[in-house]
Amino acid sequence: MANDTDTALLDSFKHTLVSLLLQQNGQTLAGILVDSTFTFETDGNNHEQIIVIEVPVAYFSYFGDGPDFPFAATTRDALGEIAFGHLTDWNGAFYRPGVLFRVQLETPDPAWQEKVKAVLAEGGVTNQAFVTDLMFSRATPKREVITYNELKFASRTEVRIAQELERRGVLFFPLAIAVKAKTGILHEDHREVDFLVCQNGVFGILEISGPAHTGRYEKDAEKANWFREEGILCVQHYTAENAWDNTTAVIDNFLGILAQHKR
C-alpha cells in the first residue's frame, strides 16, 4: 500500500512527465498517461523502486516492446530522467527506476453482464469496418482489427488520426461502408473509406496508405472517382508513416483542403 509520500511523489512525476510531453508535441501520449495510474513496486532483485503504469485497456496495445512501440520507450526514457535524483537505493545512491506497463482494470458496472448480453442479442452484423474485417480474416497470417472507443480500425495509425479528430470535435465516420447499387455485385457496389469527415456541411474522405491498408477490393484512384462522381470531391491520401509521425499536420492539411470545397 502506497503511503502519502509515495503518492505525492508519483503525482509529481506524472504531472512533470505529462507537461514535458505537451511541450514536445506529444499530445496523444500525454492524453493516455493522464488517464493512467502510477504506483510503486519494489524490485525483488535489487530492492529498488519500480514505477508501474496501469494503462487503460483501449490503449494498452501501444505499450509493447520494440521499435514499433515508441510510446513505451518515450515514457521509460523521460520518466527515468525525471525521477533521477529523487530516489535512492540502500547505499544512498540515486538511480533511474524501471518502468512496467500493465492493463488498468476497470470497475465493473453491477449490470454489466446484462448489458453485454443485450449487445450480443442484437447480432454481429455491422456497417462499420465490414470490408476490413473480411480482408483481414482472409490474410495469411490472419490479422485482427484494432478496437478503440467501441469502433474498429485497420491500424494504430488510424486510431491516432481518430484521436486527433476527436480532440478537435470534428464529425467523422471511421471505416464507413458506402453503397451505390448499380451493378448488383457487392464488391463493386460497396466501398469502404478509412475516414469520412464532415466539417461545416462539407464531406471529404481521408485515406491512409501503407502495409495495413492494402489488399482491399478497390484501387485508390478508382475509389476516389467513385465518390467524386457523387460530388464528394475532397479525397486525400496520406502515408501511414506521415500520418503517424505528423498527425496534427496531416489533419491541418486535410481540413484546410476540405474547407476549399465549401460552396
Foldseek 3Di string as FASTA:
>chain_A
DDDPVQVVVVVVLLVVLLVVCVVVVNPVLSVQQVPWDWDWDADPPQRFIAIEIATEPLCLVLQDDDPSRVSVVSSLVSSQVVCFPVGAGPVRHTGRHHYHYHHDDDDDDPCNVVVVVVVVVVDDDDQACPQVQVQQCVDVVRDDFRDHPNHTALDVLLVVLVVVCVVVVWDKGAQGKDADPDPVDVLVGIDTAGIWTDDPRATEGEHEDDPSPDDTSDDDVVVQVVVVVVPRNHYDYDYSVCCNVPVVVVVVVSVVVRVVSDD
